[in-house]
Amino acid sequence: MNMSQMKYEIKPLTEEEEALIEKKIGEYADSMAPAEPHTEEKQIVFKAEDEEGNIVAGCIVHVYPWGRSVLACLWTDDRYRGQGLGSMLIRAAERAAREEGCYYLCLGTVDYMARPLYEKHGFEVFTVNKDVPRGHNGWSMSKWLDRESPDYVPQNNEAETRFTVRSGSREDAAVIRAGLNRYCDLFVPVGHETVSLSKKLVDRDGSIIAAVVSDVDGDDTADIGGIWVEEAWRSRGIGSYLLRVAEREAKENGAYILLSQVCDWSADFFFKNGYTARGTLKDYPKGHLAYEIEKRI
């Protein structure tokens, strides 16, 4: 069916609807990939404090289904860098991910961050992010947690005698994110708040028949979090139509690039719509490939 022949309306997704769409996308993915290893989605926080109880370093780990974890945030106050705190946090993140049943630990880093430190801990680059954020280069890195690797201990390991890495709370996570954001702002100042572009396509009865989850962040990169189309409406070009809507609005909101992460069962849809693979994560989920993709606009 041609889109011009449909009776439909495009509206913004509410937060509740976006959560529902993300659940549907997850359910579809579960039907395409093996259930093992089964890991529950959760956030893990670690922190190190000074004598007054102030957080001076910390990290945030996200655990996802299928045994993948992401070191989403690693921060050390500039007064305590070079003393081994980063290595202490990386080791804590790896231990926690293994305990949760994860076999992968991934992360993203940029040229003004700590790629050499991650490489010393056994992480390898699987994606090169050219001009992301604008004017800089970044990398996606990963480490197999179910394989043996050397345990790196920095020469200056003063932090081991001064600090203890402890579990943190959601409130501690906010402090850690704020510290990292202050550091990143020195190199790439945030130009604006994140703009949600998530949209739904509803039929004449107001029922959602398709949706796209997307946004534009403060450094003008757009993220396509996922696209979902009700089964009865698939193979009619609706997904491509919604993707074009998201791309157009992203450009109108200052984005210069669209990024996404997809698995092999949905990759062809994006490739046909002009996206290219920046990198490939092998055997994730087990027996499949995950791609980091982009489209310059």
C-alpha atoms as a PDB file:
ATOM      1  CA  MET A   1       0.000   0.000   0.000  1.00  0.00           C
ATOM      2  CA  ASN A   2       1.283   3.451  -0.926  1.00  0.00           C
ATOM      3  CA  MET A   3       1.639   5.824   2.023  1.00  0.00           C
ATOM      4  CA  SER A   4      -0.442   8.399   0.157  1.00  0.00           C
ATOM      5  CA  GLN A   5      -3.371   5.935   0.162  1.00  0.00           C
ATOM      6  CA  MET A   6      -3.301   5.408   3.925  1.00  0.00           C
ATOM      7  CA  LYS A   7      -5.409   7.233   6.467  1.00  0.00           C
ATOM      8  CA  TYR A   8      -2.849   7.989   9.148  1.00  0.00           C
ATOM      9  CA  GLU A   9      -1.483  10.652  11.426  1.00  0.00           C
ATOM     10  CA  ILE A  10       2.008  11.202  12.820  1.00  0.00           C
ATOM     11  CA  LYS A  11       2.241  12.266  16.462  1.00  0.00           C
ATOM     12  CA  PRO A  12       4.998  12.497  19.082  1.00  0.00           C
ATOM     13  CA  LEU A  13       5.452   9.458  21.316  1.00  0.00           C
ATOM     14  CA  THR A  14       4.779   9.960  25.011  1.00  0.00           C
ATOM     15  CA  GLU A  15       7.346   8.583  27.485  1.00  0.00           C
ATOM     16  CA  GLU A  16       4.974   5.737  28.343  1.00  0.00           C
ATOM     17  CA  GLU A  17       4.437   4.905  24.675  1.00  0.00           C
ATOM     18  CA  GLU A  18       8.172   5.036  23.994  1.00  0.00           C
ATOM     19  CA  ALA A  19       8.769   2.529  26.793  1.00  0.00           C
ATOM     20  CA  LEU A  20       6.082   0.282  25.259  1.00  0.00           C
ATOM     21  CA  ILE A  21       7.669   0.491  21.794  1.00  0.00           C
ATOM     22  CA  GLU A  22      11.114  -0.301  23.200  1.00  0.00           C
ATOM     23  CA  LYS A  23       9.590  -3.344  24.904  1.00  0.00           C
ATOM     24  CA  LYS A  24       8.058  -4.498  21.601  1.00  0.00           C
ATOM     25  CA  ILE A  25      11.405  -4.031  19.829  1.00  0.00           C
ATOM     26  CA  GLY A  26      13.044  -6.098  22.576  1.00  0.00           C
ATOM     27  CA  GLU A  27      10.435  -8.850  22.284  1.00  0.00           C
ATOM     28  CA  TYR A  28      11.017  -9.092  18.551  1.00  0.00           C
ATOM     29  CA  ALA A  29      14.767  -9.289  19.103  1.00  0.00           C
ATOM     30  CA  ASP A  30      14.250 -12.055  21.665  1.00  0.00           C
ATOM     31  CA  SER A  31      12.376 -14.042  19.024  1.00  0.00           C
ATOM     32  CA  MET A  32      15.328 -13.745  16.639  1.00  0.00           C
ATOM     33  CA  ALA A  33      18.184 -14.649  18.989  1.00  0.00           C
ATOM     34  CA  PRO A  34      18.891 -17.514  21.390  1.00  0.00           C
ATOM     35  CA  ALA A  35      17.865 -17.002  25.008  1.00  0.00           C
ATOM     36  CA  GLU A  36      21.301 -17.812  26.426  1.00  0.00           C
ATOM     37  CA  PRO A  37      23.173 -16.350  28.066  1.00  0.00           C
ATOM     38  CA  HIS A  38      20.214 -14.762  29.828  1.00  0.00           C
ATOM     39  CA  THR A  39      21.168 -11.588  31.677  1.00  0.00           C
ATOM     40  CA  GLU A  40      18.774  -9.117  33.272  1.00  0.00           C
ATOM     41  CA  GLU A  41      19.026  -5.470  32.258  1.00  0.00           C
ATOM     42  CA  LYS A  42      20.400  -3.418  35.135  1.00  0.00           C
ATOM     43  CA  GLN A  43      22.742  -0.579  36.106  1.00  0.00           C
ATOM     44  CA  ILE A  44      25.783  -1.085  38.342  1.00  0.00           C
ATOM     45  CA  VAL A  45      27.608   1.851  39.935  1.00  0.00           C
ATOM     46  CA  PHE A  46      31.049   1.974  41.548  1.00  0.00           C
ATOM     47  CA  LYS A  47      32.622   4.918  43.346  1.00  0.00           C
ATOM     48  CA  ALA A  48      35.735   5.998  45.226  1.00  0.00           C
ATOM     49  CA  GLU A  49      35.518   8.700  47.909  1.00  0.00           C
ATOM     50  CA  ASP A  50      37.999  10.967  49.675  1.00  0.00           C
ATOM     51  CA  GLU A  51      38.305  11.340  53.447  1.00  0.00           C
ATOM     52  CA  GLU A  52      35.329  13.724  53.553  1.00  0.00           C
ATOM     53  CA  GLY A  53      33.065  11.358  51.636  1.00  0.00           C
ATOM     54  CA  ASN A  54      33.217  13.261  48.347  1.00  0.00           C
ATOM     55  CA  ILE A  55      33.117  11.109  45.209  1.00  0.00           C
ATOM     56  CA  VAL A  56      36.421  11.569  43.372  1.00  0.00           C
ATOM     57  CA  ALA A  57      36.037   8.800  40.799  1.00  0.00           C
ATOM     58  CA  GLY A  58      33.453   6.344  39.600  1.00  0.00           C
ATOM     59  CA  CYS A  59      32.024   4.274  36.785  1.00  0.00           C
ATOM     60  CA  ILE A  60      28.642   3.091  35.562  1.00  0.00           C
ATOM     61  CA  VAL A  61      28.089  -0.316  33.980  1.00  0.00           C
ATOM     62  CA  HIS A  62      24.941  -1.250  32.072  1.00  0.00           C
ATOM     63  CA  VAL A  63      24.069  -4.928  31.782  1.00  0.00           C
ATOM     64  CA  TYR A  64      21.943  -5.949  28.798  1.00  0.00           C
ATOM     65  CA  PRO A  65      20.263  -9.178  27.687  1.00  0.00           C
ATOM     66  CA  TRP A  66      22.291 -11.830  25.858  1.00  0.00           C
ATOM     67  CA  GLY A  67      25.362 -11.369  28.059  1.00  0.00           C
ATOM     68  CA  ARG A  68      26.554  -7.952  26.945  1.00  0.00           C
ATOM     69  CA  SER A  69      27.630  -5.176  29.292  1.00  0.00           C
ATOM     70  CA  VAL A  70      28.686  -1.610  28.594  1.00  0.00           C
ATOM     71  CA  LEU A  71      31.077   0.549  30.582  1.00  0.00           C
ATOM     72  CA  ALA A  72      28.905   3.586  29.958  1.00  0.00           C
ATOM     73  CA  CYS A  73      30.809   6.092  32.096  1.00  0.00           C
ATOM     74  CA  LEU A  74      34.256   6.255  33.700  1.00  0.00           C
ATOM     75  CA  TRP A  75      35.365   9.423  35.478  1.00  0.00           C
ATOM     76  CA  THR A  76      38.202  10.503  37.745  1.00  0.00           C
ATOM     77  CA  ASP A  77      38.526  13.966  39.261  1.00  0.00           C
ATOM     78  CA  ASP A  78      41.488  15.709  37.615  1.00  0.00           C
ATOM     79  CA  ARG A  79      43.238  16.060  41.016  1.00  0.00           C
ATOM     80  CA  TYR A  80      43.510  12.261  41.276  1.00  0.00           C
ATOM     81  CA  ARG A  81      44.331  11.190  37.732  1.00  0.00           C
ATOM     82  CA  GLY A  82      47.430   9.142  37.013  1.00  0.00           C
ATOM     83  CA  GLN A  83      47.276   7.333  40.357  1.00  0.00           C
ATOM     84  CA  GLY A  84      45.598   4.109  39.240  1.00  0.00           C
ATOM     85  CA  LEU A  85      41.970   4.914  40.092  1.00  0.00           C
ATOM     86  CA  GLY A  86      40.841   4.321  36.520  1.00  0.00           C
ATOM     87  CA  SER A  87      42.375   0.849  36.515  1.00  0.00           C
ATOM     88  CA  MET A  88      40.729   0.027  39.859  1.00  0.00           C
ATOM     89  CA  LEU A  89      37.345   0.976  38.425  1.00  0.00           C
ATOM     90  CA  ILE A  90      37.859  -0.954  35.183  1.00  0.00           C
ATOM     91  CA  ARG A  91      38.733  -4.097  37.152  1.00  0.00           C
ATOM     92  CA  ALA A  92      35.646  -3.618  39.323  1.00  0.00           C
ATOM     93  CA  ALA A  93      33.483  -3.197  36.211  1.00  0.00           C
ATOM     94  CA  GLU A  94      34.880  -6.380  34.657  1.00  0.00           C
ATOM     95  CA  ARG A  95      34.315  -8.404  37.847  1.00  0.00           C
ATOM     96  CA  ALA A  96      30.748  -7.189  38.168  1.00  0.00           C
ATOM     97  CA  ALA A  97      29.952  -7.921  34.517  1.00  0.00           C
ATOM     98  CA  ARG A  98      31.311 -11.465  34.836  1.00  0.00           C
ATOM     99  CA  GLU A  99      29.283 -12.023  38.001  1.00  0.00           C
ATOM    100  CA  GLU A 100      26.174 -11.003  36.063  1.00  0.00           C
ATOM    101  CA  GLY A 101      26.933 -13.644  33.419  1.00  0.00           C
ATOM    102  CA  CYS A 102      28.208 -11.288  30.701  1.00  0.00           C
ATOM    103  CA  TYR A 103      30.758 -12.458  28.157  1.00  0.00           C
ATOM    104  CA  TYR A 104      31.291  -9.029  26.534  1.00  0.00           C
ATOM    105  CA  LEU A 105      32.202  -5.664  28.000  1.00  0.00           C
ATOM    106  CA  CYS A 106      32.016  -2.758  25.558  1.00  0.00           C
ATOM    107  CA  LEU A 107      32.686   0.962  25.815  1.00  0.00           C
ATOM    108  CA  GLY A 108      32.990   4.114  23.783  1.00  0.00           C
ATOM    109  CA  THR A 109      35.863   6.551  24.060  1.00  0.00           C
ATOM    110  CA  VAL A 110      37.064   9.703  22.288  1.00  0.00           C
ATOM    111  CA  ASP A 111      40.482  11.138  21.427  1.00  0.00           C
ATOM    112  CA  TYR A 112      40.482  13.339  24.551  1.00  0.00           C
ATOM    113  CA  MET A 113      39.716  10.375  26.813  1.00  0.00           C
ATOM    114  CA  ALA A 114      41.513   7.166  27.792  1.00  0.00           C
ATOM    115  CA  ARG A 115      41.854   4.796  24.833  1.00  0.00           C
ATOM    116  CA  PRO A 116      45.479   3.843  25.755  1.00  0.00           C
ATOM    117  CA  LEU A 117      44.359   2.853  29.262  1.00  0.00           C
ATOM    118  CA  TYR A 118      41.591   0.630  27.926  1.00  0.00           C
ATOM    119  CA  GLU A 119      43.992  -1.038  25.509  1.00  0.00           C
ATOM    120  CA  LYS A 120      46.311  -1.858  28.397  1.00  0.00           C
ATOM    121  CA  HIS A 121      43.370  -3.620  30.033  1.00  0.00           C
ATOM    122  CA  GLY A 122      42.792  -5.761  26.937  1.00  0.00           C
ATOM    123  CA  PHE A 123      40.086  -3.813  25.105  1.00  0.00           C
ATOM    124  CA  GLU A 124      40.202  -3.786  21.308  1.00  0.00           C
ATOM    125  CA  VAL A 125      38.726  -1.327  18.808  1.00  0.00           C
ATOM    126  CA  PHE A 126      35.816  -2.639  16.725  1.00  0.00           C
ATOM    127  CA  THR A 127      34.447   0.686  15.428  1.00  0.00           C
ATOM    128  CA  VAL A 128      36.134   3.912  14.345  1.00  0.00           C
ATOM    129  CA  ASN A 129      33.886   6.960  14.720  1.00  0.00           C
ATOM    130  CA  LYS A 130      35.333   9.632  12.425  1.00  0.00           C
ATOM    131  CA  ASP A 131      34.322  13.178  13.294  1.00  0.00           C
ATOM    132  CA  VAL A 132      32.083  11.961  16.144  1.00  0.00           C
ATOM    133  CA  PRO A 133      31.699  14.199  18.030  1.00  0.00           C
ATOM    134  CA  ARG A 134      32.326  16.905  15.450  1.00  0.00           C
ATOM    135  CA  GLY A 135      36.020  17.756  15.198  1.00  0.00           C
ATOM    136  CA  HIS A 136      37.110  14.640  17.083  1.00  0.00           C
ATOM    137  CA  ASN A 137      37.483  10.920  16.523  1.00  0.00           C
ATOM    138  CA  GLY A 138      36.046   8.210  18.718  1.00  0.00           C
ATOM    139  CA  TRP A 139      36.225   4.445  19.054  1.00  0.00           C
ATOM    140  CA  SER A 140      33.987   1.644  20.210  1.00  0.00           C
ATOM    141  CA  MET A 141      35.979  -0.992  22.078  1.00  0.00           C
ATOM    142  CA  SER A 142      35.220  -4.430  23.472  1.00  0.00           C
ATOM    143  CA  LYS A 143      36.724  -7.126  25.624  1.00  0.00           C
ATOM    144  CA  TRP A 144      35.826 -10.810  25.873  1.00  0.00           C
ATOM    145  CA  LEU A 145      35.172 -11.593  29.519  1.00  0.00           C
ATOM    146  CA  ASP A 146      35.082 -15.353  29.044  1.00  0.00           C
ATOM    147  CA  ARG A 147      38.684 -15.467  27.827  1.00  0.00           C
ATOM    148  CA  GLU A 148      41.890 -15.094  29.772  1.00  0.00           C
ATOM    149  CA  SER A 149      43.756 -11.806  29.444  1.00  0.00           C
ATOM    150  CA  PRO A 150      46.677 -10.200  31.305  1.00  0.00           C
ATOM    151  CA  ASP A 151      45.714  -8.240  34.418  1.00  0.00           C
ATOM    152  CA  TYR A 152      47.172  -4.769  33.916  1.00  0.00           C
ATOM    153  CA  VAL A 153      48.422  -2.938  37.006  1.00  0.00           C
ATOM    154  CA  PRO A 154      49.754   0.609  36.405  1.00  0.00           C
ATOM    155  CA  GLN A 155      53.233   1.544  37.590  1.00  0.00           C
ATOM    156  CA  ASN A 156      51.830   4.365  39.688  1.00  0.00           C
ATOM    157  CA  ASN A 157      49.355   2.449  41.811  1.00  0.00           C
ATOM    158  CA  GLU A 158      49.107   4.943  44.664  1.00  0.00           C
ATOM    159  CA  ALA A 159      45.300   4.787  44.599  1.00  0.00           C
ATOM    160  CA  GLU A 160      45.343   1.197  45.885  1.00  0.00           C
ATOM    161  CA  THR A 161      46.687   2.434  49.210  1.00  0.00           C
ATOM    162  CA  ARG A 162      44.424   5.491  49.474  1.00  0.00           C
ATOM    163  CA  PHE A 163      41.042   4.490  48.076  1.00  0.00           C
ATOM    164  CA  THR A 164      38.520   1.668  48.141  1.00  0.00           C
ATOM    165  CA  VAL A 165      36.104   1.070  45.293  1.00  0.00           C
ATOM    166  CA  ARG A 166      32.575   0.589  46.642  1.00  0.00           C
ATOM    167  CA  SER A 167      29.139   0.058  45.173  1.00  0.00           C
ATOM    168  CA  GLY A 168      27.215   3.250  44.507  1.00  0.00           C
ATOM    169  CA  SER A 169      23.606   4.397  44.187  1.00  0.00           C
ATOM    170  CA  ARG A 170      21.574   6.132  41.483  1.00  0.00           C
ATOM    171  CA  GLU A 171      22.370   9.410  43.204  1.00  0.00           C
ATOM    172  CA  ASP A 172      26.089   8.578  43.025  1.00  0.00           C
ATOM    173  CA  ALA A 173      25.671   7.784  39.318  1.00  0.00           C
ATOM    174  CA  ALA A 174      24.337  11.311  38.763  1.00  0.00           C
ATOM    175  CA  VAL A 175      27.455  12.760  40.423  1.00  0.00           C
ATOM    176  CA  ILE A 176      29.727  10.602  38.264  1.00  0.00           C
ATOM    177  CA  ARG A 177      27.911  11.571  35.054  1.00  0.00           C
ATOM    178  CA  ALA A 178      28.093  15.244  35.999  1.00  0.00           C
ATOM    179  CA  GLY A 179      31.842  14.971  36.571  1.00  0.00           C
ATOM    180  CA  LEU A 180      32.396  13.341  33.191  1.00  0.00           C
ATOM    181  CA  ASN A 181      30.142  15.887  31.479  1.00  0.00           C
ATOM    182  CA  ARG A 182      32.143  18.781  32.954  1.00  0.00           C
ATOM    183  CA  TYR A 183      35.312  17.233  31.568  1.00  0.00           C
ATOM    184  CA  CYS A 184      33.805  16.620  28.118  1.00  0.00           C
ATOM    185  CA  ASP A 185      32.446  20.180  27.961  1.00  0.00           C
ATOM    186  CA  LEU A 186      36.048  21.414  27.934  1.00  0.00           C
ATOM    187  CA  PHE A 187      36.468  19.791  24.505  1.00  0.00           C
ATOM    188  CA  VAL A 188      32.930  19.646  23.071  1.00  0.00           C
ATOM    189  CA  PRO A 189      30.596  22.128  24.772  1.00  0.00           C
ATOM    190  CA  VAL A 190      26.977  21.013  24.796  1.00  0.00           C
ATOM    191  CA  GLY A 191      25.045  23.288  22.465  1.00  0.00           C
ATOM    192  CA  HIS A 192      21.512  22.405  23.574  1.00  0.00           C
ATOM    193  CA  GLU A 193      19.401  19.958  25.521  1.00  0.00           C
ATOM    194  CA  THR A 194      18.628  16.582  23.975  1.00  0.00           C
ATOM    195  CA  VAL A 195      15.672  16.866  21.592  1.00  0.00           C
ATOM    196  CA  SER A 196      13.300  13.911  21.348  1.00  0.00           C
ATOM    197  CA  LEU A 197      12.185  13.072  17.804  1.00  0.00           C
ATOM    198  CA  SER A 198      10.287   9.886  18.652  1.00  0.00           C
ATOM    199  CA  LYS A 199       7.134   9.562  16.587  1.00  0.00           C
ATOM    200  CA  LYS A 200       4.176   7.221  16.200  1.00  0.00           C
ATOM    201  CA  LEU A 201       2.016   6.493  13.192  1.00  0.00           C
ATOM    202  CA  VAL A 202      -1.640   6.005  14.182  1.00  0.00           C
ATOM    203  CA  ASP A 203      -4.550   4.745  12.105  1.00  0.00           C
ATOM    204  CA  ARG A 204      -7.997   6.332  11.876  1.00  0.00           C
ATOM    205  CA  ASP A 205      -8.946   4.724  15.207  1.00  0.00           C
ATOM    206  CA  GLY A 206      -5.920   6.190  16.956  1.00  0.00           C
ATOM    207  CA  SER A 207      -4.121   2.859  17.324  1.00  0.00           C
ATOM    208  CA  ILE A 208      -0.334   2.851  16.976  1.00  0.00           C
ATOM    209  CA  ILE A 209       0.679   0.885  13.894  1.00  0.00           C
ATOM    210  CA  ALA A 210       4.340   1.952  13.778  1.00  0.00           C
ATOM    211  CA  ALA A 211       6.861   4.051  15.691  1.00  0.00           C
ATOM    212  CA  VAL A 212      10.433   5.301  15.599  1.00  0.00           C
ATOM    213  CA  VAL A 213      12.496   6.082  18.706  1.00  0.00           C
ATOM    214  CA  SER A 214      15.086   8.795  18.059  1.00  0.00           C
ATOM    215  CA  ASP A 215      16.659  11.965  19.427  1.00  0.00           C
ATOM    216  CA  VAL A 216      19.330  14.605  18.788  1.00  0.00           C
ATOM    217  CA  ASP A 217      21.828  15.191  21.574  1.00  0.00           C
ATOM    218  CA  GLY A 218      23.742  18.287  22.585  1.00  0.00           C
ATOM    219  CA  ASP A 219      26.656  17.717  20.185  1.00  0.00           C
ATOM    220  CA  ASP A 220      24.332  17.426  17.162  1.00  0.00           C
ATOM    221  CA  THR A 221      24.504  13.680  16.692  1.00  0.00           C
ATOM    222  CA  ALA A 222      21.179  11.917  16.187  1.00  0.00           C
ATOM    223  CA  ASP A 223      20.440   8.456  17.523  1.00  0.00           C
ATOM    224  CA  ILE A 224      17.957   6.021  16.009  1.00  0.00           C
ATOM    225  CA  GLY A 225      17.040   3.864  18.983  1.00  0.00           C
ATOM    226  CA  GLY A 226      14.757   1.575  17.010  1.00  0.00           C
ATOM    227  CA  ILE A 227      11.851   1.208  14.605  1.00  0.00           C
ATOM    228  CA  TRP A 228       8.780  -0.937  15.149  1.00  0.00           C
ATOM    229  CA  VAL A 229       5.905  -1.733  12.769  1.00  0.00           C
ATOM    230  CA  GLU A 230       2.817  -3.737  13.722  1.00  0.00           C
ATOM    231  CA  GLU A 231       3.092  -7.153  12.046  1.00  0.00           C
ATOM    232  CA  ALA A 232      -0.011  -6.704   9.899  1.00  0.00           C
ATOM    233  CA  TRP A 233       1.451  -3.502   8.434  1.00  0.00           C
ATOM    234  CA  ARG A 234       4.940  -4.717   7.614  1.00  0.00           C
ATOM    235  CA  SER A 235       6.459  -4.829   4.104  1.00  0.00           C
ATOM    236  CA  ARG A 236       4.502  -1.754   3.011  1.00  0.00           C
ATOM    237  CA  GLY A 237       7.271   0.841   3.280  1.00  0.00           C
ATOM    238  CA  ILE A 238       6.026   2.236   6.588  1.00  0.00           C
ATOM    239  CA  GLY A 239       9.320   1.675   8.401  1.00  0.00           C
ATOM    240  CA  SER A 240      11.285   3.473   5.686  1.00  0.00           C
ATOM    241  CA  TYR A 241       8.754   6.303   5.720  1.00  0.00           C
ATOM    242  CA  LEU A 242       9.115   6.825   9.493  1.00  0.00           C
ATOM    243  CA  LEU A 243      12.889   6.629   9.190  1.00  0.00           C
ATOM    244  CA  ARG A 244      12.829   9.437   6.597  1.00  0.00           C
ATOM    245  CA  VAL A 245      10.647  11.500   8.939  1.00  0.00           C
ATOM    246  CA  ALA A 246      13.176  11.039  11.749  1.00  0.00           C
ATOM    247  CA  GLU A 247      16.080  11.911   9.436  1.00  0.00           C
ATOM    248  CA  ARG A 248      14.388  15.063   8.185  1.00  0.00           C
ATOM    249  CA  GLU A 249      13.579  16.278  11.696  1.00  0.00           C
ATOM    250  CA  ALA A 250      17.089  15.415  12.887  1.00  0.00           C
ATOM    251  CA  LYS A 251      18.564  17.625  10.168  1.00  0.00           C
ATOM    252  CA  GLU A 252      16.102  20.410  10.992  1.00  0.00           C
ATOM    253  CA  ASN A 253      17.339  20.239  14.591  1.00  0.00           C
ATOM    254  CA  GLY A 254      20.990  20.657  13.602  1.00  0.00           C
ATOM    255  CA  ALA A 255      22.148  17.034  13.401  1.00  0.00           C
ATOM    256  CA  TYR A 256      24.922  16.240  10.934  1.00  0.00           C
ATOM    257  CA  ILE A 257      24.991  12.456  11.423  1.00  0.00           C
ATOM    258  CA  LEU A 258      22.604   9.662  12.397  1.00  0.00           C
ATOM    259  CA  LEU A 259      23.895   6.743  14.455  1.00  0.00           C
ATOM    260  CA  SER A 260      22.372   3.430  15.448  1.00  0.00           C
ATOM    261  CA  GLN A 261      23.203  -0.069  16.643  1.00  0.00           C
ATOM    262  CA  VAL A 262      21.449  -2.976  14.936  1.00  0.00           C
ATOM    263  CA  CYS A 263      21.718  -6.744  14.724  1.00  0.00           C
ATOM    264  CA  ASP A 264      22.006  -8.789  11.553  1.00  0.00           C
ATOM    265  CA  TRP A 265      18.273  -9.535  11.304  1.00  0.00           C
ATOM    266  CA  SER A 266      17.456  -5.827  10.856  1.00  0.00           C
ATOM    267  CA  ALA A 267      20.682  -4.543   9.288  1.00  0.00           C
ATOM    268  CA  ASP A 268      19.548  -4.924   5.659  1.00  0.00           C
ATOM    269  CA  PHE A 269      16.618  -2.574   6.265  1.00  0.00           C
ATOM    270  CA  PHE A 270      19.007   0.195   7.307  1.00  0.00           C
ATOM    271  CA  PHE A 271      21.534  -0.567   4.576  1.00  0.00           C
ATOM    272  CA  LYS A 272      18.769  -0.226   1.986  1.00  0.00           C
ATOM    273  CA  ASN A 273      17.947   3.152   3.491  1.00  0.00           C
ATOM    274  CA  GLY A 274      21.455   4.512   2.992  1.00  0.00           C
ATOM    275  CA  TYR A 275      23.173   3.569   6.244  1.00  0.00           C
ATOM    276  CA  THR A 276      26.681   2.127   6.312  1.00  0.00           C
ATOM    277  CA  ALA A 277      28.408  -0.072   8.870  1.00  0.00           C
ATOM    278  CA  ARG A 278      31.049   1.679  10.960  1.00  0.00           C
ATOM    279  CA  GLY A 279      31.974  -1.443  12.854  1.00  0.00           C
ATOM    280  CA  THR A 280      30.947  -5.017  13.618  1.00  0.00           C
ATOM    281  CA  LEU A 281      30.676  -6.766  16.963  1.00  0.00           C
ATOM    282  CA  LYS A 282      31.120 -10.479  16.337  1.00  0.00           C
ATOM    283  CA  ASP A 283      29.091 -13.205  18.006  1.00  0.00           C
ATOM    284  CA  TYR A 284      26.639 -10.823  19.645  1.00  0.00           C
ATOM    285  CA  PRO A 285      24.129 -12.197  20.363  1.00  0.00           C
ATOM    286  CA  LYS A 286      25.609 -15.688  20.220  1.00  0.00           C
ATOM    287  CA  GLY A 287      25.672 -16.798  16.603  1.00  0.00           C
ATOM    288  CA  HIS A 288      24.837 -13.320  15.276  1.00  0.00           C
ATOM    289  CA  LEU A 289      26.500 -10.041  14.361  1.00  0.00           C
ATOM    290  CA  ALA A 290      25.823  -6.571  15.738  1.00  0.00           C
ATOM    291  CA  TYR A 291      26.597  -3.496  13.655  1.00  0.00           C
ATOM    292  CA  GLU A 292      27.240   0.118  14.528  1.00  0.00           C
ATOM    293  CA  ILE A 293      25.859   2.105  11.598  1.00  0.00           C
ATOM    294  CA  GLU A 294      25.772   5.714  10.461  1.00  0.00           C
ATOM    295  CA  LYS A 295      24.291   8.030   7.877  1.00  0.00           C
ATOM    296  CA  ARG A 296      25.689  11.504   7.178  1.00  0.00           C
ATOM    297  CA  ILE A 297      23.035  14.128   6.530  1.00  0.00           C
END
